[in-house]
Amino acid sequence: MRDPDGVVTEFNGHDDSTTNNRMELTAAVEGLRATERGAQVILRSDSQYVVNSMTLHWKRNKNQDLWEMLDAEVAARRVRFEWVRGHDSDATNNRADELALMGANGRLLAEGATAGERKTRASKSDDSVVESELTVRLKLGESIRECARCGAKFVSRRDGDDYCSLILCQLEARRR
């Protein structure tokens, strides 16, 4: 989320028993909830399901609970929906995809949380299975490391590489 002053606020979520469409709707609802009532908002999404349902009035066959929540949040603001091509050259949308993937993997952003508190919520057994499978696929000189800021595991080719590639983690690395 970017406010009129250019300040960016990031958040993500996780639900073990959901669908992609429900998460797209939830993201729109929570994004709007993070804005003030009465605000003028441009909601940009790579979800044609969300954008076209709101702008072209596609039939809403499923997820009625979330559509009702989204309608209520939209009614309280002046919202313009814009579709953006996913996995393309839009840096903001690409970052949103990174956050969504982190959430899907149980890694949630938490403002003010310590690196330990930001670690994945996935079970240790799930992590060890993935790590074992990845370990056998590493190239010469690569290793699996844990980010000093967010606690996420990442593949690195350099010794002393203590921060993953997420932009907030890279900012922290460069402040040191």
Foldseek 3Di string as FASTA:
>chain_A
DQDPVRDDDDWAAADPPDDPVVRQLVCLLVVLVVDDFAEEEEAEEQDCVVQCCVVVVDDDPDDVVSVVSNVVSCVRYNYHYHYDHAPDDDPVNPLVVVRHVCNHQQQTDDPPDFLVVRAGPDDPVVVVVVQVVVVVVDDPQKDWAAANGNRDIDIDNDPPPRHDPRPVSVVVVVVD
